[in-house]
Amino acid sequence: MRTASKSALLVLALAASGCSSHPARINEIEVPIPVRCKVAYPVKPASCFEALPANAPVFESVKCLLVDRENSLAYEGELLAALKACAEPL
């Protein structure tokens, strides 16, 4: 019986040493985690045209409308940039 337990112990020791000869492999798995978008909303520009009095000359009205259009296009660009930053995959 002693020889059987010694041989069993020897087999176990050899099996354990065989496992330690190979380094453990580490597998990295990347899983996207959704997070809340943290982009600040751009401030909407004030309208020059809305501040004009009703009897303002046509030249001043057109001038304010052109300024408002430029401001509106810039604001739209900032909104699209914020939307793009939030819509990009993680």
Protein backbone atom coordinates (compact mmCIF):
# COMPACT_ATOMS: atom_id res chain seq x y z
CA MET A 1 0.00 0.00 0.00
CA ARG A 2 2.86 2.32 0.69
CA THR A 3 4.21 1.90 -2.79
CA ALA A 4 0.82 2.67 -4.31
CA SER A 5 0.49 5.93 -2.34
CA LYS A 6 4.09 6.87 -3.19
CA SER A 7 3.49 6.27 -6.88
CA ALA A 8 0.20 8.21 -6.75
CA LEU A 9 1.98 11.08 -5.06
CA LEU A 10 4.72 10.95 -7.70
CA VAL A 11 2.13 11.04 -10.51
CA LEU A 12 0.40 14.02 -8.91
CA ALA A 13 3.69 15.86 -8.49
CA LEU A 14 4.61 15.26 -12.13
CA ALA A 15 1.17 16.38 -13.30
CA ALA A 16 1.39 19.56 -11.23
CA SER A 17 4.86 20.36 -12.53
CA GLY A 18 3.64 19.87 -16.10
CA CYS A 19 0.97 22.53 -15.60
CA SER A 20 3.43 25.08 -14.28
CA SER A 21 5.77 24.82 -17.27
CA HIS A 22 3.35 26.74 -19.54
CA PRO A 23 2.71 30.40 -18.69
CA ALA A 24 -0.89 31.42 -18.32
CA ARG A 25 -2.37 33.25 -21.32
CA ILE A 26 -4.22 36.45 -20.67
CA ASN A 27 -6.91 37.32 -23.18
CA GLU A 28 -7.98 40.93 -23.37
CA ILE A 29 -11.57 41.49 -24.43
CA GLU A 30 -12.64 45.04 -25.24
CA VAL A 31 -16.31 45.71 -24.64
CA PRO A 32 -17.70 49.17 -25.38
CA ILE A 33 -19.48 50.69 -22.43
CA PRO A 34 -21.96 53.45 -23.24
CA VAL A 35 -21.40 56.65 -21.33
CA ARG A 36 -23.37 59.84 -21.25
CA CYS A 37 -22.20 62.51 -23.69
CA LYS A 38 -20.40 65.31 -21.86
CA VAL A 39 -20.31 67.96 -24.58
CA ALA A 40 -21.53 71.41 -23.59
CA TYR A 41 -24.30 72.89 -25.71
CA PRO A 42 -23.21 75.95 -27.66
CA VAL A 43 -24.86 79.22 -26.69
CA LYS A 44 -27.43 80.40 -29.20
CA PRO A 45 -26.45 83.85 -30.53
CA ALA A 46 -28.73 86.81 -29.97
CA SER A 47 -30.65 88.03 -33.00
CA CYS A 48 -29.77 91.49 -34.29
CA PHE A 49 -32.92 91.61 -36.43
CA GLU A 50 -35.27 91.00 -33.52
CA ALA A 51 -33.73 93.94 -31.63
CA LEU A 52 -34.45 96.38 -34.47
CA PRO A 53 -37.44 98.68 -34.15
CA ALA A 54 -40.32 98.11 -36.58
CA ASN A 55 -39.61 101.35 -38.47
CA ALA A 56 -35.89 100.65 -39.04
CA PRO A 57 -34.54 101.46 -42.53
CA VAL A 58 -34.38 98.59 -45.02
CA PHE A 59 -30.57 98.87 -45.23
CA GLU A 60 -30.26 98.27 -41.47
CA SER A 61 -32.74 95.37 -41.62
CA VAL A 62 -30.83 93.65 -44.41
CA LYS A 63 -27.53 94.26 -42.64
CA CYS A 64 -28.89 92.65 -39.46
CA LEU A 65 -30.34 89.71 -41.41
CA LEU A 66 -26.93 89.05 -43.00
CA VAL A 67 -25.23 89.19 -39.60
CA ASP A 68 -27.87 86.85 -38.17
CA ARG A 69 -27.33 84.43 -41.05
CA GLU A 70 -23.57 84.28 -40.40
CA ASN A 71 -24.18 83.78 -36.68
CA SER A 72 -26.76 81.10 -37.40
CA LEU A 73 -24.38 79.19 -39.69
CA ALA A 74 -21.62 79.33 -37.06
CA TYR A 75 -24.08 78.13 -34.39
CA GLU A 76 -25.20 75.29 -36.65
CA GLY A 77 -21.57 74.25 -37.14
CA GLU A 78 -21.02 74.14 -33.38
CA LEU A 79 -24.19 72.06 -32.92
CA LEU A 80 -23.09 69.60 -35.60
CA ALA A 81 -19.64 69.29 -34.00
CA ALA A 82 -21.24 68.56 -30.61
CA LEU A 83 -23.56 66.00 -32.18
CA LYS A 84 -20.67 64.32 -33.98
CA ALA A 85 -18.67 64.11 -30.75
CA CYS A 86 -21.58 62.39 -29.02
CA ALA A 87 -22.39 60.08 -31.91
CA GLU A 88 -18.89 58.64 -32.36
CA PRO A 89 -18.60 55.00 -31.36
CA LEU A 90 -16.88 54.32 -28.07
